[in-house]
Structures are given as structure tokens and as C-alpha cells.
Amino acid sequence: MQELINSLIEKTGISQEQAHKVLDTVKDFVKEKFPMMAGAVDNLLGGDAKPGESAKPEGGSDFLSEAKDKLSGLFGG
């Protein structure tokens, strides 16, 4: 998840705290609109991790990179 936070910071110029809020907002939105995906969203994006906490799912950064690539199309990236 930190890789995605860093990407948000780099591409938008927002602070780390703001990037976490953006990611939390997106996670909450997806979980609300697609409740059957709540567990997958938590596994993919680290559940309720806060700044400085590690919540990397099994599979490490390869898993996150692959998921980020797949999800980027959903959000216009």
C-alpha cells in the first residue's frame, strides 16, 4: 500500500496524510458499492492501516503492483 501512497503523493503533490485519506475514501467507496469485495479490498489495500503501519498482504509488492495495474484502469490511470 505504501507504493500506492507514494504514487499518489508523487503524482498529485499532496501530503502523506492526504494520500491516506484519499485511499481510505476510495476503499470505503468500493466496499460500500461492492460489499462482496470488502475482504478483497482489505487484503489488497491493507485494511485499516494508518500512516506508518505496514499492512502488506501475502505476496508482497509483486501482488500490489499487479493489483495496482489492474485497478488503475478503473480510476482513469
Protein backbone atom coordinates (compact mmCIF):
# COMPACT_ATOMS: atom_id res chain seq x y z
CA MET A 1 0.00 0.00 0.00
CA GLN A 2 2.89 2.35 0.66
CA GLU A 3 3.83 2.15 -3.01
CA LEU A 4 0.35 3.40 -3.93
CA ILE A 5 0.56 6.14 -1.26
CA ASN A 6 3.92 7.23 -2.68
CA SER A 7 2.47 7.27 -6.18
CA LEU A 8 -0.44 9.46 -5.05
CA ILE A 9 1.99 11.86 -3.37
CA GLU A 10 4.30 12.00 -6.39
CA LYS A 11 1.57 12.45 -8.99
CA THR A 12 -0.60 14.91 -7.11
CA GLY A 13 1.72 16.76 -4.73
CA ILE A 14 -0.50 16.04 -1.72
CA SER A 15 0.82 15.17 1.73
CA GLN A 16 1.14 11.62 3.03
CA GLU A 17 -1.81 12.20 5.37
CA GLN A 18 -3.93 13.45 2.46
CA ALA A 19 -2.91 10.45 0.35
CA HIS A 20 -4.02 8.11 3.15
CA LYS A 21 -7.35 9.93 3.32
CA VAL A 22 -7.78 9.58 -0.44
CA LEU A 23 -7.02 5.88 -0.32
CA ASP A 24 -9.32 5.36 2.67
CA THR A 25 -12.09 7.19 0.83
CA VAL A 26 -11.65 5.03 -2.27
CA LYS A 27 -11.55 1.85 -0.17
CA ASP A 28 -14.73 2.83 1.69
CA PHE A 29 -16.47 3.74 -1.57
CA VAL A 30 -15.60 0.45 -3.26
CA LYS A 31 -16.60 -1.55 -0.17
CA GLU A 32 -19.92 0.32 0.07
CA LYS A 33 -20.79 -0.07 -3.62
CA PHE A 34 -19.46 -3.64 -3.91
CA PRO A 35 -19.85 -5.24 -0.45
CA MET A 36 -18.95 -8.67 -1.81
CA MET A 37 -15.47 -7.27 -2.50
CA ALA A 38 -14.86 -5.88 1.01
CA GLY A 39 -12.49 -8.67 2.02
CA ALA A 40 -10.58 -8.44 -1.24
CA VAL A 41 -10.27 -4.66 -0.90
CA ASP A 42 -8.95 -5.02 2.65
CA ASN A 43 -6.47 -7.69 1.54
CA LEU A 44 -5.40 -5.70 -1.49
CA LEU A 45 -5.09 -2.29 0.12
CA GLY A 46 -4.24 -3.24 3.66
CA GLY A 47 -7.49 -2.93 5.58
CA ASP A 48 -7.43 -0.07 8.05
CA ALA A 49 -3.69 0.61 8.09
CA LYS A 50 -2.73 4.11 9.15
CA PRO A 51 0.34 6.12 8.18
CA GLY A 52 3.50 4.31 9.21
CA GLU A 53 1.80 0.94 9.70
CA SER A 54 2.58 -1.99 7.47
CA ALA A 55 -0.32 -3.99 6.11
CA LYS A 56 1.21 -5.80 3.16
CA PRO A 57 -0.75 -8.91 2.14
CA GLU A 58 0.99 -12.18 1.39
CA GLY A 59 2.74 -11.94 -1.94
CA GLY A 60 4.40 -8.63 -1.21
CA SER A 61 4.98 -5.85 -3.67
CA ASP A 62 4.50 -8.06 -6.75
CA PHE A 63 0.91 -8.63 -5.67
CA LEU A 64 0.39 -4.92 -5.04
CA SER A 65 1.99 -3.92 -8.32
CA GLU A 66 -0.18 -6.33 -10.25
CA ALA A 67 -3.31 -5.19 -8.45
CA LYS A 68 -2.43 -1.53 -8.95
CA ASP A 69 -2.01 -2.14 -12.67
CA LYS A 70 -5.39 -3.84 -12.87
CA LEU A 71 -7.18 -1.23 -10.77
CA SER A 72 -5.63 1.79 -12.48
CA GLY A 73 -7.97 1.39 -15.42
CA LEU A 74 -10.97 1.67 -13.10
CA PHE A 75 -9.89 5.07 -11.86
CA GLY A 76 -8.68 6.60 -15.11
CA GLY A 77 -5.00 5.85 -14.50
